[in-house]
Amino acid sequence: RVSPVVNEAGELTHFIGIQLDVTERVESRHRLERSEAASRQALAREKELNEIKTRFLRMASHEFRTPITAISASIELLRDHGDAIGAEKRTRHFRNMQHALSRMNQLLDEVLIASQAEAGKLTFHPISIQLLPFCRNLIENLLQIHPDHKIDLQSNLSSDQSFHLDENLFNHIFYNILGNALKYS
């Protein structure tokens, strides 16, 4: 700041300058702006994660209702007409209930893995797995759930060839990929 100095006659005699260092104030304002920007980004990310969680819960709820409805319908049919229907039809309803329960168990596993991944607590425990027999076993299990489909596994691997994989994570990934292919093809 510069101010004029005048004498008693009103004549300008000199100027007085005052200097104030505002560096700290400017830096403080910049830190505050950066902090506010980071807070806005964190809030936007939190909103996005909440939206993803909400969509996931809606999807999981829908996915659970389907097998629960199938189990409920089969139980009612067997309870009300169990003696009147044939053994083959009864067996089919029990098999449908087993498949529905298996699907619900798989959904629970998916929810658990997703929550562990989100919390950063998903563990990785690789073991030596003979991949081809492992995949064939998983395919057999999937075909029990989807008996009207066919899966043709072609591989150049030998049956005794092993890889270090996390059995649970690989199982989850394999089931998701093939399960979606069966469900949507």
N, C-alpha and C. Protein backbone atom coordinates (compact mmCIF):
# COMPACT_ATOMS: atom_id res chain seq x y z
N ARG A 1 0.85 -1.17 0.00
CA ARG A 1 0.00 0.00 0.00
C ARG A 1 0.89 1.23 0.00
N VAL A 2 0.51 2.21 -0.78
CA VAL A 2 1.28 3.46 -0.88
C VAL A 2 0.31 4.60 -0.54
N SER A 3 0.76 5.46 0.37
CA SER A 3 -0.08 6.60 0.76
C SER A 3 0.73 7.89 0.62
N PRO A 4 0.10 8.97 0.10
CA PRO A 4 0.81 10.24 -0.01
C PRO A 4 0.90 10.93 1.35
N VAL A 5 1.98 11.69 1.56
CA VAL A 5 2.15 12.47 2.79
C VAL A 5 2.23 13.95 2.36
N VAL A 6 1.40 14.76 2.96
CA VAL A 6 1.40 16.20 2.63
C VAL A 6 1.80 16.99 3.87
N ASN A 7 2.37 18.22 3.65
CA ASN A 7 2.76 19.07 4.77
C ASN A 7 1.56 19.92 5.19
N GLU A 8 1.79 20.85 6.10
CA GLU A 8 0.71 21.69 6.63
C GLU A 8 0.12 22.58 5.55
N ALA A 9 0.90 22.89 4.53
CA ALA A 9 0.41 23.74 3.45
C ALA A 9 -0.34 22.92 2.40
N GLY A 10 -0.42 21.59 2.59
CA GLY A 10 -1.14 20.74 1.66
C GLY A 10 -0.31 20.30 0.47
N GLU A 11 1.00 20.50 0.56
CA GLU A 11 1.87 20.10 -0.54
C GLU A 11 2.35 18.67 -0.32
N LEU A 12 2.40 17.94 -1.40
CA LEU A 12 2.88 16.56 -1.36
C LEU A 12 4.37 16.57 -1.11
N THR A 13 4.80 15.93 -0.04
CA THR A 13 6.21 15.93 0.28
C THR A 13 6.86 14.58 0.00
N HIS A 14 6.12 13.54 0.22
CA HIS A 14 6.67 12.20 -0.05
C HIS A 14 5.55 11.15 0.02
N PHE A 15 5.95 9.92 -0.20
CA PHE A 15 5.01 8.80 -0.10
C PHE A 15 5.50 7.84 0.97
N ILE A 16 4.55 7.18 1.61
CA ILE A 16 4.89 6.12 2.58
C ILE A 16 4.34 4.82 2.01
N GLY A 17 5.18 3.80 1.99
CA GLY A 17 4.76 2.49 1.50
C GLY A 17 4.75 1.47 2.63
N ILE A 18 3.70 0.66 2.67
CA ILE A 18 3.60 -0.41 3.67
C ILE A 18 3.46 -1.72 2.90
N GLN A 19 4.27 -2.66 3.27
CA GLN A 19 4.24 -3.94 2.59
C GLN A 19 3.73 -5.00 3.57
N LEU A 20 2.84 -5.86 3.08
CA LEU A 20 2.29 -6.94 3.90
C LEU A 20 2.48 -8.24 3.12
N ASP A 21 3.16 -9.21 3.72
CA ASP A 21 3.41 -10.50 3.07
C ASP A 21 2.13 -11.35 3.20
N VAL A 22 1.47 -11.64 2.07
CA VAL A 22 0.22 -12.42 2.06
C VAL A 22 0.45 -13.85 1.55
N THR A 23 1.70 -14.23 1.45
CA THR A 23 2.03 -15.56 0.93
C THR A 23 1.33 -16.66 1.72
N GLU A 24 1.39 -16.57 3.03
CA GLU A 24 0.77 -17.60 3.87
C GLU A 24 -0.74 -17.65 3.66
N ARG A 25 -1.36 -16.48 3.54
CA ARG A 25 -2.80 -16.43 3.34
C ARG A 25 -3.18 -17.03 1.99
N VAL A 26 -2.41 -16.72 0.93
CA VAL A 26 -2.68 -17.26 -0.39
C VAL A 26 -2.48 -18.78 -0.39
N GLU A 27 -1.38 -19.22 0.20
CA GLU A 27 -1.13 -20.66 0.27
C GLU A 27 -2.22 -21.36 1.07
N SER A 28 -2.67 -20.76 2.14
CA SER A 28 -3.74 -21.33 2.94
C SER A 28 -5.02 -21.45 2.12
N ARG A 29 -5.33 -20.42 1.32
CA ARG A 29 -6.51 -20.46 0.47
C ARG A 29 -6.39 -21.56 -0.57
N HIS A 30 -5.18 -21.73 -1.15
CA HIS A 30 -4.97 -22.80 -2.13
C HIS A 30 -5.11 -24.18 -1.49
N ARG A 31 -4.58 -24.33 -0.27
CA ARG A 31 -4.73 -25.61 0.45
C ARG A 31 -6.21 -25.89 0.70
N LEU A 32 -6.95 -24.87 1.07
CA LEU A 32 -8.38 -25.03 1.32
C LEU A 32 -9.11 -25.42 0.04
N GLU A 33 -8.77 -24.77 -1.07
CA GLU A 33 -9.39 -25.10 -2.36
C GLU A 33 -9.08 -26.54 -2.76
N ARG A 34 -7.81 -26.95 -2.57
CA ARG A 34 -7.44 -28.33 -2.90
C ARG A 34 -8.18 -29.31 -1.99
N SER A 35 -8.30 -28.98 -0.74
CA SER A 35 -9.01 -29.83 0.21
C SER A 35 -10.48 -29.94 -0.16
N GLU A 36 -11.07 -28.81 -0.55
CA GLU A 36 -12.48 -28.83 -0.96
C GLU A 36 -12.66 -29.66 -2.23
N ALA A 37 -11.74 -29.54 -3.16
CA ALA A 37 -11.81 -30.33 -4.40
C ALA A 37 -11.68 -31.82 -4.09
N ALA A 38 -10.76 -32.16 -3.20
CA ALA A 38 -10.60 -33.57 -2.81
C ALA A 38 -11.86 -34.07 -2.11
N SER A 39 -12.45 -33.23 -1.28
CA SER A 39 -13.69 -33.62 -0.60
C SER A 39 -14.82 -33.84 -1.60
N ARG A 40 -14.91 -32.95 -2.61
CA ARG A 40 -15.94 -33.12 -3.63
C ARG A 40 -15.73 -34.42 -4.41
N GLN A 41 -14.46 -34.72 -4.72
CA GLN A 41 -14.16 -35.96 -5.44
C GLN A 41 -14.52 -37.18 -4.58
N ALA A 42 -14.16 -37.12 -3.31
CA ALA A 42 -14.47 -38.23 -2.40
C ALA A 42 -15.98 -38.40 -2.27
N LEU A 43 -16.70 -37.29 -2.19
CA LEU A 43 -18.16 -37.36 -2.09
C LEU A 43 -18.76 -37.95 -3.36
N ALA A 44 -18.25 -37.53 -4.52
CA ALA A 44 -18.75 -38.07 -5.79
C ALA A 44 -18.46 -39.57 -5.88
N ARG A 45 -17.27 -39.97 -5.44
CA ARG A 45 -16.92 -41.40 -5.46
C ARG A 45 -17.82 -42.18 -4.51
N GLU A 46 -18.08 -41.63 -3.35
CA GLU A 46 -18.95 -42.28 -2.36
C GLU A 46 -20.37 -42.42 -2.91
N LYS A 47 -20.86 -41.38 -3.59
CA LYS A 47 -22.19 -41.46 -4.19
C LYS A 47 -22.22 -42.54 -5.26
N GLU A 48 -21.15 -42.61 -6.07
CA GLU A 48 -21.08 -43.63 -7.11
C GLU A 48 -21.06 -45.03 -6.50
N LEU A 49 -20.26 -45.21 -5.45
CA LEU A 49 -20.22 -46.52 -4.78
C LEU A 49 -21.57 -46.88 -4.19
N ASN A 50 -22.25 -45.90 -3.59
CA ASN A 50 -23.58 -46.17 -3.04
C ASN A 50 -24.56 -46.56 -4.13
N GLU A 51 -24.47 -45.93 -5.28
CA GLU A 51 -25.34 -46.28 -6.41
C GLU A 51 -25.03 -47.70 -6.88
N ILE A 52 -23.75 -48.04 -6.95
CA ILE A 52 -23.37 -49.40 -7.35
C ILE A 52 -23.89 -50.42 -6.33
N LYS A 53 -23.75 -50.10 -5.05
CA LYS A 53 -24.27 -51.00 -4.01
C LYS A 53 -25.77 -51.17 -4.13
N THR A 54 -26.47 -50.07 -4.36
CA THR A 54 -27.92 -50.13 -4.49
C THR A 54 -28.32 -51.00 -5.67
N ARG A 55 -27.66 -50.80 -6.82
CA ARG A 55 -27.97 -51.62 -8.00
C ARG A 55 -27.65 -53.09 -7.72
N PHE A 56 -26.52 -53.33 -7.05
CA PHE A 56 -26.13 -54.70 -6.73
C PHE A 56 -27.16 -55.36 -5.81
N LEU A 57 -27.60 -54.63 -4.79
CA LEU A 57 -28.59 -55.19 -3.87
C LEU A 57 -29.92 -55.46 -4.58
N ARG A 58 -30.31 -54.56 -5.48
CA ARG A 58 -31.54 -54.80 -6.26
C ARG A 58 -31.39 -56.06 -7.10
N MET A 59 -30.23 -56.20 -7.76
CA MET A 59 -29.99 -57.36 -8.61
C MET A 59 -29.95 -58.63 -7.76
N ALA A 60 -29.25 -58.59 -6.63
CA ALA A 60 -29.15 -59.76 -5.76
C ALA A 60 -30.52 -60.15 -5.23
N SER A 61 -31.31 -59.16 -4.85
CA SER A 61 -32.66 -59.43 -4.36
C SER A 61 -33.48 -60.12 -5.43
N HIS A 62 -33.40 -59.62 -6.64
CA HIS A 62 -34.12 -60.24 -7.75
C HIS A 62 -33.62 -61.66 -8.00
N GLU A 63 -32.30 -61.82 -7.99
CA GLU A 63 -31.72 -63.14 -8.24
C GLU A 63 -32.10 -64.15 -7.15
N PHE A 64 -32.28 -63.69 -5.91
CA PHE A 64 -32.69 -64.59 -4.83
C PHE A 64 -34.17 -64.95 -4.94
N ARG A 65 -34.98 -64.03 -5.42
CA ARG A 65 -36.42 -64.29 -5.51
C ARG A 65 -36.74 -65.43 -6.46
N THR A 66 -36.01 -65.53 -7.55
CA THR A 66 -36.30 -66.57 -8.54
C THR A 66 -36.16 -67.97 -7.95
N PRO A 67 -35.02 -68.31 -7.32
CA PRO A 67 -34.94 -69.66 -6.75
C PRO A 67 -35.88 -69.85 -5.56
N ILE A 68 -36.11 -68.81 -4.79
CA ILE A 68 -37.04 -68.93 -3.65
C ILE A 68 -38.45 -69.23 -4.17
N THR A 69 -38.85 -68.57 -5.24
CA THR A 69 -40.17 -68.81 -5.83
C THR A 69 -40.26 -70.24 -6.35
N ALA A 70 -39.19 -70.72 -6.99
CA ALA A 70 -39.19 -72.09 -7.52
C ALA A 70 -39.30 -73.10 -6.38
N ILE A 71 -38.56 -72.88 -5.31
CA ILE A 71 -38.62 -73.79 -4.16
C ILE A 71 -40.01 -73.75 -3.55
N SER A 72 -40.54 -72.57 -3.37
CA SER A 72 -41.86 -72.42 -2.77
C SER A 72 -42.93 -73.11 -3.61
N ALA A 73 -42.89 -72.92 -4.92
CA ALA A 73 -43.88 -73.55 -5.80
C ALA A 73 -43.77 -75.07 -5.75
N SER A 74 -42.55 -75.59 -5.75
CA SER A 74 -42.37 -77.04 -5.69
C SER A 74 -42.84 -77.60 -4.36
N ILE A 75 -42.56 -76.90 -3.27
CA ILE A 75 -43.02 -77.36 -1.95
C ILE A 75 -44.54 -77.40 -1.90
N GLU A 76 -45.19 -76.35 -2.38
CA GLU A 76 -46.66 -76.32 -2.38
C GLU A 76 -47.22 -77.46 -3.22
N LEU A 77 -46.65 -77.67 -4.40
CA LEU A 77 -47.14 -78.74 -5.27
C LEU A 77 -46.96 -80.10 -4.59
N LEU A 78 -45.80 -80.34 -4.00
CA LEU A 78 -45.55 -81.62 -3.34
C LEU A 78 -46.42 -81.79 -2.10
N ARG A 79 -46.63 -80.70 -1.37
CA ARG A 79 -47.46 -80.77 -0.17
C ARG A 79 -48.91 -81.06 -0.53
N ASP A 80 -49.43 -80.34 -1.53
CA ASP A 80 -50.85 -80.47 -1.86
C ASP A 80 -51.17 -81.65 -2.77
N HIS A 81 -50.23 -82.04 -3.63
CA HIS A 81 -50.52 -83.07 -4.62
C HIS A 81 -49.44 -84.14 -4.69
N GLY A 82 -48.62 -84.26 -3.66
CA GLY A 82 -47.48 -85.17 -3.69
C GLY A 82 -47.87 -86.61 -3.95
N ASP A 83 -48.98 -87.04 -3.38
CA ASP A 83 -49.41 -88.44 -3.57
C ASP A 83 -49.99 -88.66 -4.96
N ALA A 84 -50.53 -87.61 -5.57
CA ALA A 84 -51.21 -87.75 -6.85
C ALA A 84 -50.25 -87.68 -8.04
N ILE A 85 -49.08 -87.11 -7.86
CA ILE A 85 -48.15 -87.00 -8.99
C ILE A 85 -47.20 -88.19 -9.00
N GLY A 86 -46.67 -88.48 -10.14
CA GLY A 86 -45.79 -89.63 -10.29
C GLY A 86 -44.41 -89.42 -9.67
N ALA A 87 -43.70 -90.51 -9.50
CA ALA A 87 -42.37 -90.47 -8.89
C ALA A 87 -41.40 -89.63 -9.73
N GLU A 88 -41.52 -89.73 -11.04
CA GLU A 88 -40.62 -88.96 -11.92
C GLU A 88 -40.83 -87.46 -11.73
N LYS A 89 -42.08 -87.04 -11.65
CA LYS A 89 -42.38 -85.62 -11.47
C LYS A 89 -41.93 -85.15 -10.08
N ARG A 90 -42.13 -85.99 -9.06
CA ARG A 90 -41.65 -85.65 -7.70
C ARG A 90 -40.14 -85.48 -7.70
N THR A 91 -39.45 -86.41 -8.35
CA THR A 91 -37.99 -86.35 -8.44
C THR A 91 -37.54 -85.07 -9.14
N ARG A 92 -38.24 -84.70 -10.21
CA ARG A 92 -37.91 -83.48 -10.92
C ARG A 92 -38.08 -82.25 -10.02
N HIS A 93 -39.13 -82.23 -9.22
CA HIS A 93 -39.35 -81.09 -8.31
C HIS A 93 -38.27 -81.04 -7.22
N PHE A 94 -37.89 -82.19 -6.70
CA PHE A 94 -36.81 -82.19 -5.70
C PHE A 94 -35.49 -81.73 -6.33
N ARG A 95 -35.23 -82.17 -7.57
CA ARG A 95 -34.03 -81.74 -8.27
C ARG A 95 -34.06 -80.22 -8.51
N ASN A 96 -35.23 -79.69 -8.88
CA ASN A 96 -35.36 -78.25 -9.07
C ASN A 96 -35.09 -77.49 -7.78
N MET A 97 -35.57 -78.03 -6.67
CA MET A 97 -35.31 -77.37 -5.38
C MET A 97 -33.82 -77.41 -5.05
N GLN A 98 -33.17 -78.54 -5.33
CA GLN A 98 -31.73 -78.63 -5.08
C GLN A 98 -30.97 -77.62 -5.95
N HIS A 99 -31.37 -77.51 -7.20
CA HIS A 99 -30.72 -76.53 -8.09
C HIS A 99 -30.95 -75.11 -7.59
N ALA A 100 -32.16 -74.82 -7.16
CA ALA A 100 -32.46 -73.47 -6.66
C ALA A 100 -31.65 -73.17 -5.40
N LEU A 101 -31.53 -74.14 -4.51
CA LEU A 101 -30.72 -73.94 -3.31
C LEU A 101 -29.25 -73.77 -3.67
N SER A 102 -28.78 -74.52 -4.64
CA SER A 102 -27.40 -74.38 -5.10
C SER A 102 -27.17 -72.99 -5.66
N ARG A 103 -28.13 -72.47 -6.43
CA ARG A 103 -28.02 -71.13 -7.00
C ARG A 103 -27.98 -70.07 -5.89
N MET A 104 -28.82 -70.25 -4.87
CA MET A 104 -28.83 -69.30 -3.76
C MET A 104 -27.50 -69.32 -3.02
N ASN A 105 -26.94 -70.50 -2.84
CA ASN A 105 -25.64 -70.61 -2.18
C ASN A 105 -24.56 -69.92 -3.01
N GLN A 106 -24.62 -70.09 -4.32
CA GLN A 106 -23.67 -69.43 -5.22
C GLN A 106 -23.83 -67.91 -5.14
N LEU A 107 -25.07 -67.43 -5.08
CA LEU A 107 -25.31 -65.98 -4.96
C LEU A 107 -24.73 -65.45 -3.65
N LEU A 108 -24.90 -66.19 -2.58
CA LEU A 108 -24.34 -65.76 -1.29
C LEU A 108 -22.81 -65.69 -1.37
N ASP A 109 -22.21 -66.66 -2.04
CA ASP A 109 -20.75 -66.63 -2.23
C ASP A 109 -20.34 -65.39 -3.01
N GLU A 110 -21.11 -65.05 -4.05
CA GLU A 110 -20.79 -63.86 -4.85
C GLU A 110 -20.90 -62.59 -4.02
N VAL A 111 -21.93 -62.51 -3.18
CA VAL A 111 -22.09 -61.34 -2.31
C VAL A 111 -20.92 -61.25 -1.34
N LEU A 112 -20.51 -62.37 -0.78
CA LEU A 112 -19.39 -62.39 0.15
C LEU A 112 -18.09 -61.94 -0.54
N ILE A 113 -17.83 -62.46 -1.72
CA ILE A 113 -16.61 -62.08 -2.44
C ILE A 113 -16.64 -60.60 -2.79
N ALA A 114 -17.80 -60.11 -3.23
CA ALA A 114 -17.91 -58.69 -3.58
C ALA A 114 -17.68 -57.81 -2.36
N SER A 115 -18.23 -58.19 -1.22
CA SER A 115 -18.04 -57.36 -0.01
C SER A 115 -16.59 -57.43 0.47
N GLN A 116 -15.95 -58.58 0.35
CA GLN A 116 -14.55 -58.68 0.73
C GLN A 116 -13.67 -57.83 -0.19
N ALA A 117 -13.98 -57.86 -1.48
CA ALA A 117 -13.20 -57.07 -2.44
C ALA A 117 -13.37 -55.58 -2.16
N GLU A 118 -14.60 -55.16 -1.87
CA GLU A 118 -14.85 -53.75 -1.59
C GLU A 118 -14.13 -53.29 -0.33
N ALA A 119 -14.08 -54.16 0.66
CA ALA A 119 -13.42 -53.82 1.92
C ALA A 119 -11.90 -53.96 1.84
N GLY A 120 -11.41 -54.43 0.69
CA GLY A 120 -9.98 -54.61 0.54
C GLY A 120 -9.46 -55.80 1.33
N LYS A 121 -10.34 -56.75 1.63
CA LYS A 121 -9.97 -57.91 2.45
C LYS A 121 -10.08 -59.22 1.69
N LEU A 122 -10.09 -59.13 0.37
CA LEU A 122 -10.15 -60.33 -0.44
C LEU A 122 -8.79 -61.00 -0.39
N THR A 123 -8.75 -62.20 0.09
CA THR A 123 -7.47 -62.90 0.26
C THR A 123 -7.15 -63.73 -0.98
N PHE A 124 -5.89 -63.96 -1.19
CA PHE A 124 -5.41 -64.73 -2.32
C PHE A 124 -4.53 -65.85 -1.78
N HIS A 125 -4.97 -67.09 -1.94
CA HIS A 125 -4.25 -68.25 -1.43
C HIS A 125 -4.02 -69.24 -2.58
N PRO A 126 -2.97 -69.02 -3.36
CA PRO A 126 -2.74 -69.91 -4.50
C PRO A 126 -2.25 -71.28 -4.06
N ILE A 127 -2.77 -72.28 -4.75
CA ILE A 127 -2.31 -73.65 -4.56
C ILE A 127 -2.11 -74.25 -5.95
N SER A 128 -1.42 -75.36 -6.01
CA SER A 128 -1.19 -76.04 -7.28
C SER A 128 -2.46 -76.80 -7.65
N ILE A 129 -3.03 -76.47 -8.83
CA ILE A 129 -4.27 -77.09 -9.29
C ILE A 129 -4.04 -77.65 -10.69
N GLN A 130 -4.44 -78.91 -10.86
CA GLN A 130 -4.45 -79.49 -12.20
C GLN A 130 -5.67 -78.90 -12.90
N LEU A 131 -5.41 -77.98 -13.80
CA LEU A 131 -6.45 -77.12 -14.34
C LEU A 131 -7.51 -77.87 -15.14
N LEU A 132 -7.13 -78.76 -16.01
CA LEU A 132 -8.10 -79.43 -16.87
C LEU A 132 -9.09 -80.28 -16.07
N PRO A 133 -8.65 -81.14 -15.17
CA PRO A 133 -9.63 -81.89 -14.36
C PRO A 133 -10.48 -80.97 -13.48
N PHE A 134 -9.88 -79.91 -12.98
CA PHE A 134 -10.61 -78.95 -12.14
C PHE A 134 -11.75 -78.32 -12.95
N CYS A 135 -11.43 -77.86 -14.18
CA CYS A 135 -12.45 -77.24 -15.03
C CYS A 135 -13.52 -78.25 -15.43
N ARG A 136 -13.13 -79.46 -15.72
CA ARG A 136 -14.12 -80.49 -16.08
C ARG A 136 -15.09 -80.74 -14.93
N ASN A 137 -14.57 -80.76 -13.72
CA ASN A 137 -15.43 -80.94 -12.54
C ASN A 137 -16.41 -79.77 -12.39
N LEU A 138 -15.91 -78.55 -12.58
CA LEU A 138 -16.79 -77.39 -12.49
C LEU A 138 -17.86 -77.43 -13.57
N ILE A 139 -17.50 -77.88 -14.75
CA ILE A 139 -18.47 -77.98 -15.85
C ILE A 139 -19.54 -79.01 -15.51
N GLU A 140 -19.13 -80.15 -14.94
CA GLU A 140 -20.11 -81.16 -14.53
C GLU A 140 -21.10 -80.58 -13.53
N ASN A 141 -20.59 -79.81 -12.57
CA ASN A 141 -21.47 -79.19 -11.58
C ASN A 141 -22.43 -78.20 -12.24
N LEU A 142 -21.92 -77.41 -13.18
CA LEU A 142 -22.78 -76.45 -13.88
C LEU A 142 -23.85 -77.15 -14.70
N LEU A 143 -23.51 -78.25 -15.33
CA LEU A 143 -24.48 -78.97 -16.15
C LEU A 143 -25.57 -79.62 -15.31
N GLN A 144 -25.30 -79.87 -14.05
CA GLN A 144 -26.36 -80.35 -13.16
C GLN A 144 -27.38 -79.25 -12.92
N ILE A 145 -26.91 -78.01 -12.86
CA ILE A 145 -27.80 -76.88 -12.67
C ILE A 145 -28.51 -76.53 -13.97
N HIS A 146 -27.83 -76.71 -15.10
CA HIS A 146 -28.37 -76.39 -16.43
C HIS A 146 -28.36 -77.65 -17.29
N PRO A 147 -29.23 -78.62 -17.00
CA PRO A 147 -29.16 -79.90 -17.72
C PRO A 147 -29.54 -79.82 -19.20
N ASP A 148 -30.19 -78.74 -19.61
CA ASP A 148 -30.60 -78.63 -21.01
C ASP A 148 -29.52 -78.02 -21.90
N HIS A 149 -28.37 -77.72 -21.32
CA HIS A 149 -27.28 -77.11 -22.09
C HIS A 149 -26.13 -78.09 -22.28
N LYS A 150 -25.24 -77.72 -23.17
CA LYS A 150 -24.05 -78.52 -23.44
C LYS A 150 -22.85 -77.60 -23.40
N ILE A 151 -21.78 -78.05 -22.78
CA ILE A 151 -20.53 -77.30 -22.75
C ILE A 151 -19.45 -78.20 -23.34
N ASP A 152 -18.80 -77.69 -24.36
CA ASP A 152 -17.73 -78.44 -25.02
C ASP A 152 -16.40 -77.77 -24.66
N LEU A 153 -15.66 -78.39 -23.77
CA LEU A 153 -14.36 -77.84 -23.34
C LEU A 153 -13.27 -78.41 -24.24
N GLN A 154 -12.58 -77.51 -24.90
CA GLN A 154 -11.45 -77.90 -25.74
C GLN A 154 -10.20 -77.25 -25.17
N SER A 155 -9.15 -78.04 -25.04
CA SER A 155 -7.94 -77.52 -24.44
C SER A 155 -6.71 -78.23 -24.99
N ASN A 156 -5.61 -77.50 -24.99
CA ASN A 156 -4.32 -78.09 -25.38
C ASN A 156 -3.54 -78.53 -24.14
N LEU A 157 -4.12 -78.35 -22.97
CA LEU A 157 -3.44 -78.72 -21.73
C LEU A 157 -3.48 -80.23 -21.53
N SER A 158 -2.46 -80.74 -20.87
CA SER A 158 -2.50 -82.15 -20.48
C SER A 158 -3.23 -82.23 -19.13
N SER A 159 -3.79 -83.38 -18.83
CA SER A 159 -4.58 -83.54 -17.61
C SER A 159 -3.77 -83.34 -16.34
N ASP A 160 -2.46 -83.56 -16.43
CA ASP A 160 -1.64 -83.42 -15.22
C ASP A 160 -0.95 -82.06 -15.11
N GLN A 161 -1.22 -81.17 -16.05
CA GLN A 161 -0.59 -79.84 -16.03
C GLN A 161 -1.21 -79.00 -14.91
N SER A 162 -0.33 -78.46 -14.04
CA SER A 162 -0.79 -77.71 -12.87
C SER A 162 -0.44 -76.23 -12.97
N PHE A 163 -1.24 -75.43 -12.29
CA PHE A 163 -1.03 -73.99 -12.20
C PHE A 163 -1.28 -73.55 -10.77
N HIS A 164 -0.62 -72.47 -10.35
CA HIS A 164 -0.86 -71.92 -9.02
C HIS A 164 -2.01 -70.93 -9.10
N LEU A 165 -3.14 -71.31 -8.53
CA LEU A 165 -4.36 -70.49 -8.56
C LEU A 165 -5.00 -70.50 -7.19
N ASP A 166 -5.77 -69.47 -6.93
CA ASP A 166 -6.62 -69.47 -5.74
C ASP A 166 -7.88 -70.23 -6.13
N GLU A 167 -8.10 -71.37 -5.50
CA GLU A 167 -9.20 -72.26 -5.89
C GLU A 167 -10.56 -71.56 -5.79
N ASN A 168 -10.80 -70.84 -4.71
CA ASN A 168 -12.10 -70.18 -4.53
C ASN A 168 -12.32 -69.08 -5.55
N LEU A 169 -11.30 -68.25 -5.77
CA LEU A 169 -11.45 -67.16 -6.73
C LEU A 169 -11.60 -67.69 -8.17
N PHE A 170 -10.79 -68.69 -8.51
CA PHE A 170 -10.91 -69.25 -9.86
C PHE A 170 -12.28 -69.89 -10.06
N ASN A 171 -12.73 -70.61 -9.05
CA ASN A 171 -14.05 -71.24 -9.08
C ASN A 171 -15.12 -70.17 -9.31
N HIS A 172 -15.03 -69.07 -8.59
CA HIS A 172 -16.00 -67.97 -8.71
C HIS A 172 -15.97 -67.38 -10.12
N ILE A 173 -14.78 -67.10 -10.64
CA ILE A 173 -14.64 -66.51 -11.97
C ILE A 173 -15.18 -67.47 -13.04
N PHE A 174 -14.80 -68.73 -12.95
CA PHE A 174 -15.21 -69.73 -13.93
C PHE A 174 -16.72 -69.89 -13.94
N TYR A 175 -17.32 -70.00 -12.73
CA TYR A 175 -18.78 -70.13 -12.63
C TYR A 175 -19.49 -68.92 -13.20
N ASN A 176 -18.96 -67.72 -12.92
CA ASN A 176 -19.61 -66.51 -13.44
C ASN A 176 -19.57 -66.48 -14.95
N ILE A 177 -18.42 -66.75 -15.53
CA ILE A 177 -18.30 -66.69 -16.99
C ILE A 177 -19.20 -67.73 -17.66
N LEU A 178 -19.07 -68.98 -17.22
CA LEU A 178 -19.87 -70.03 -17.87
C LEU A 178 -21.34 -69.92 -17.49
N GLY A 179 -21.61 -69.55 -16.24
CA GLY A 179 -23.00 -69.39 -15.80
C GLY A 179 -23.71 -68.33 -16.61
N ASN A 180 -23.04 -67.20 -16.85
CA ASN A 180 -23.63 -66.14 -17.67
C ASN A 180 -23.80 -66.60 -19.11
N ALA A 181 -22.82 -67.32 -19.62
CA ALA A 181 -22.93 -67.82 -21.00
C ALA A 181 -24.13 -68.76 -21.12
N LEU A 182 -24.31 -69.64 -20.14
CA LEU A 182 -25.45 -70.55 -20.18
C LEU A 182 -26.77 -69.82 -20.00
N LYS A 183 -26.76 -68.85 -19.12
CA LYS A 183 -27.99 -68.13 -18.82
C LYS A 183 -28.45 -67.27 -19.99
N TYR A 184 -27.51 -66.67 -20.71
CA TYR A 184 -27.86 -65.69 -21.72
C TYR A 184 -27.62 -66.17 -23.16
N SER A 185 -27.35 -67.45 -23.35
CA SER A 185 -27.16 -67.92 -24.72
C SER A 185 -28.29 -68.87 -25.11
